[in-house]
Amino acid sequence: MSGLTRMGLGAFLLTQIACVGSSPPARFYLLEPLAALDRAPAVSATAKPTLALIPVKIPQYLQRAQLVTASGKNTYLLDEWHRWAESLDDNITRVVLRDLSLLMPADVVLNNSQYARQAKLALAISILEFHIDPEGRARMTAQWQASRGDQTLISRQSSFQVSAENADAASKVQALNQCLFRLNREMAEALTPLGAN
């Protein structure tokens, strides 16, 4: 290998290293429960019934770290520099659990916990869409069902849209968070009259 070739190869490698080193660091996000967003109404401290929450299901296109944005009809972009800090289904499940515990006069527990045996009411949620659309709006559609034993008491599909205040990723995550809070509030209002016993 000639000296000129070695110098050219060395310059190429240095350029590649410089490109790698100049990439911006990825930023990580979590959806936050109501306690971090707003003040919940006071709930009586008397003995409360138990509601069993089945872990939330999300579609395959959301089972990834990157934030998802629709760029057009049937096309989506994955943001490599803005990612969820944990699996999105776990994050959503935890937020639903915390929000419903604040919004309802009930102890909300995961259906696989030891306390779930006391629950007479179960809640199952499937997220159908949860992303930013081409106009910068957060979009969420979810199917949810409340049941007592083998009897379905409520079965609904709910959809929400919230415009992000800015085009940055943090604003988009906040808008998605607001969609989730609206779903949680709708479910709490529908489930509270049923009681969880």
Protein backbone atom coordinates (compact mmCIF):
# COMPACT_ATOMS: atom_id res chain seq x y z
CA MET A 1 0.00 0.00 0.00
CA SER A 2 1.52 3.32 -1.04
CA GLY A 3 1.95 6.24 1.33
CA LEU A 4 -0.60 8.25 -0.62
CA THR A 5 -3.15 5.44 -0.30
CA ARG A 6 -2.46 5.18 3.45
CA MET A 7 -2.94 8.93 3.86
CA GLY A 8 -6.20 8.81 1.92
CA LEU A 9 -7.47 5.89 4.00
CA GLY A 10 -6.46 7.66 7.20
CA ALA A 11 -8.27 10.85 6.18
CA PHE A 12 -11.38 8.83 5.30
CA LEU A 13 -11.36 7.08 8.70
CA LEU A 14 -10.91 10.38 10.55
CA THR A 15 -13.86 11.84 8.63
CA GLN A 16 -16.04 8.86 9.59
CA ILE A 17 -15.03 9.14 13.27
CA ALA A 18 -15.78 12.87 13.23
CA CYS A 19 -19.23 12.21 11.77
CA VAL A 20 -20.00 9.63 14.43
CA GLY A 21 -18.75 11.90 17.20
CA SER A 22 -20.86 14.84 16.04
CA SER A 23 -24.23 13.05 16.28
CA PRO A 24 -26.57 14.65 18.83
CA PRO A 25 -27.31 12.54 21.92
CA ALA A 26 -30.69 10.82 22.00
CA ARG A 27 -33.28 12.25 24.40
CA PHE A 28 -35.61 10.01 26.38
CA TYR A 29 -39.21 10.61 27.48
CA LEU A 30 -41.83 9.17 29.82
CA LEU A 31 -45.55 9.74 30.04
CA GLU A 32 -46.40 11.12 33.47
CA PRO A 33 -49.39 10.35 35.70
CA LEU A 34 -51.95 12.93 36.74
CA ALA A 35 -50.11 13.83 39.93
CA ALA A 36 -47.39 15.42 37.81
CA LEU A 37 -49.79 17.20 35.46
CA ASP A 38 -52.72 18.43 37.48
CA ARG A 39 -54.30 18.24 40.90
CA ALA A 40 -56.74 15.35 41.30
CA PRO A 41 -60.06 15.74 43.13
CA ALA A 42 -60.08 14.49 46.71
CA VAL A 43 -61.20 10.89 47.15
CA SER A 44 -62.70 9.61 50.41
CA ALA A 45 -60.28 7.72 52.65
CA THR A 46 -62.93 5.15 53.63
CA ALA A 47 -62.58 1.54 52.55
CA LYS A 48 -62.54 1.41 48.76
CA PRO A 49 -63.42 -1.41 46.37
CA THR A 50 -60.73 -2.93 44.14
CA LEU A 51 -60.45 -2.65 40.36
CA ALA A 52 -58.11 -5.03 38.51
CA LEU A 53 -56.31 -3.45 35.55
CA ILE A 54 -55.11 -5.82 32.84
CA PRO A 55 -51.77 -4.58 31.38
CA VAL A 56 -52.44 -2.28 28.44
CA LYS A 57 -51.89 -3.69 24.93
CA ILE A 58 -50.35 -1.59 22.16
CA PRO A 59 -50.05 -2.32 18.41
CA GLN A 60 -46.85 -3.66 16.88
CA TYR A 61 -45.92 -0.33 15.28
CA LEU A 62 -45.58 1.20 18.77
CA GLN A 63 -43.49 -1.62 20.21
CA ARG A 64 -40.23 0.25 19.69
CA ALA A 65 -38.19 2.89 21.47
CA GLN A 66 -38.55 5.68 18.89
CA LEU A 67 -41.35 8.26 18.90
CA VAL A 68 -43.64 7.63 15.92
CA THR A 69 -44.95 10.38 13.63
CA ALA A 70 -47.26 9.90 10.65
CA SER A 71 -45.76 11.62 7.61
CA GLY A 72 -48.66 10.94 5.27
CA LYS A 73 -51.24 8.32 4.39
CA ASN A 74 -49.94 4.90 5.47
CA THR A 75 -46.42 6.28 6.10
CA TYR A 76 -44.66 6.81 9.43
CA LEU A 77 -41.34 8.21 10.60
CA LEU A 78 -39.33 6.86 13.54
CA ASP A 79 -37.42 9.54 15.45
CA GLU A 80 -34.00 8.07 16.26
CA TRP A 81 -33.05 11.01 18.52
CA HIS A 82 -36.23 11.08 20.62
CA ARG A 83 -37.13 7.83 22.33
CA TRP A 84 -39.29 6.38 25.07
CA ALA A 85 -37.30 5.70 28.24
CA GLU A 86 -39.09 2.37 28.75
CA SER A 87 -41.44 0.14 26.80
CA LEU A 88 -44.50 2.18 25.92
CA ASP A 89 -47.03 -0.46 27.03
CA ASP A 90 -45.47 -0.57 30.53
CA ASN A 91 -45.39 3.23 30.73
CA ILE A 92 -49.04 3.58 29.65
CA THR A 93 -50.15 0.83 32.06
CA ARG A 94 -48.44 2.55 34.99
CA VAL A 95 -49.96 5.94 34.13
CA VAL A 96 -53.47 4.45 33.78
CA LEU A 97 -53.06 2.71 37.15
CA ARG A 98 -51.95 5.90 38.90
CA ASP A 99 -54.53 8.17 37.25
CA LEU A 100 -57.49 5.89 37.92
CA SER A 101 -56.36 5.50 41.54
CA LEU A 102 -56.60 9.28 41.88
CA LEU A 103 -59.77 9.79 39.83
CA MET A 104 -61.86 6.92 41.20
CA PRO A 105 -62.98 5.91 44.67
CA ALA A 106 -61.30 2.52 44.18
CA ASP A 107 -58.01 0.75 44.76
CA VAL A 108 -56.67 0.06 41.27
CA VAL A 109 -54.23 -2.84 41.07
CA LEU A 110 -52.68 -4.91 38.31
CA ASN A 111 -54.61 -8.08 37.59
CA ASN A 112 -51.52 -10.21 38.26
CA SER A 113 -50.98 -8.83 41.78
CA GLN A 114 -52.07 -10.64 44.94
CA TYR A 115 -54.63 -7.91 45.64
CA ALA A 116 -56.43 -8.55 42.35
CA ARG A 117 -58.19 -11.54 43.91
CA GLN A 118 -60.38 -9.10 45.85
CA ALA A 119 -61.49 -7.32 42.67
CA LYS A 120 -64.93 -7.92 41.23
CA LEU A 121 -64.40 -5.51 38.32
CA ALA A 122 -61.69 -5.85 35.64
CA LEU A 123 -60.57 -3.30 33.05
CA ALA A 124 -58.91 -4.20 29.72
CA ILE A 125 -57.50 -1.55 27.35
CA SER A 126 -56.12 -1.94 23.82
CA ILE A 127 -54.47 1.07 22.22
CA LEU A 128 -55.20 1.21 18.47
CA GLU A 129 -53.22 4.37 17.63
CA PHE A 130 -50.93 6.63 19.63
CA HIS A 131 -48.77 8.93 17.54
CA ILE A 132 -48.35 12.42 16.10
CA ASP A 133 -50.17 13.07 12.81
CA PRO A 134 -48.75 15.10 9.87
CA GLU A 135 -50.42 18.27 11.22
CA GLY A 136 -48.61 18.00 14.55
CA ARG A 137 -51.57 16.70 16.56
CA ALA A 138 -51.32 13.88 19.04
CA ARG A 139 -53.84 11.17 18.14
CA MET A 140 -55.03 8.38 20.38
CA THR A 141 -57.68 5.71 19.82
CA ALA A 142 -58.33 3.01 22.39
CA GLN A 143 -60.82 0.20 22.90
CA TRP A 144 -61.63 -0.52 26.52
CA GLN A 145 -63.87 -2.93 28.31
CA ALA A 146 -65.01 -3.29 31.91
CA SER A 147 -66.27 -6.67 33.04
CA ARG A 148 -67.54 -8.37 36.16
CA GLY A 149 -66.72 -12.04 35.88
CA ASP A 150 -67.94 -13.16 32.46
CA GLN A 151 -70.34 -10.22 32.12
CA THR A 152 -69.24 -7.22 30.03
CA LEU A 153 -70.56 -4.04 31.65
CA ILE A 154 -69.02 -1.44 29.33
CA SER A 155 -67.34 -1.79 25.93
CA ARG A 156 -66.26 1.41 24.16
CA GLN A 157 -63.88 2.90 21.65
CA SER A 158 -62.56 6.35 22.53
CA SER A 159 -60.59 8.77 20.35
CA PHE A 160 -58.77 11.97 21.27
CA GLN A 161 -56.72 14.62 19.48
CA VAL A 162 -54.55 17.27 21.14
CA SER A 163 -52.46 19.80 19.23
CA ALA A 164 -48.84 20.06 20.32
CA GLU A 165 -47.93 23.59 21.42
CA ASN A 166 -44.69 23.49 19.44
CA ALA A 167 -43.01 21.27 16.88
CA ASP A 168 -40.42 19.96 19.35
CA ALA A 169 -40.54 16.40 20.67
CA ALA A 170 -41.22 17.44 24.29
CA SER A 171 -44.40 19.26 23.23
CA LYS A 172 -45.50 16.24 21.21
CA VAL A 173 -45.01 13.95 24.21
CA GLN A 174 -47.02 16.35 26.39
CA ALA A 175 -49.85 16.28 23.84
CA LEU A 176 -49.82 12.47 23.83
CA ASN A 177 -49.86 12.60 27.63
CA GLN A 178 -52.97 14.80 27.52
CA CYS A 179 -54.70 12.29 25.23
CA LEU A 180 -53.98 9.54 27.74
CA PHE A 181 -55.25 11.67 30.63
CA ARG A 182 -58.50 12.34 28.74
CA LEU A 183 -58.98 8.61 28.24
CA ASN A 184 -58.34 7.96 31.92
CA ARG A 185 -60.81 10.65 32.95
CA GLU A 186 -63.48 9.25 30.60
CA MET A 187 -62.98 5.74 31.96
CA ALA A 188 -63.08 6.93 35.57
CA GLU A 189 -66.34 8.80 35.00
CA ALA A 190 -67.92 5.74 33.38
CA LEU A 191 -66.63 3.20 35.91
CA THR A 192 -67.28 5.08 39.16
CA PRO A 193 -71.10 4.63 39.09
CA LEU A 194 -70.64 0.89 38.58
CA GLY A 195 -68.69 0.44 41.78
CA ALA A 196 -65.99 -2.19 41.83
CA ASN A 197 -67.79 -4.67 44.07
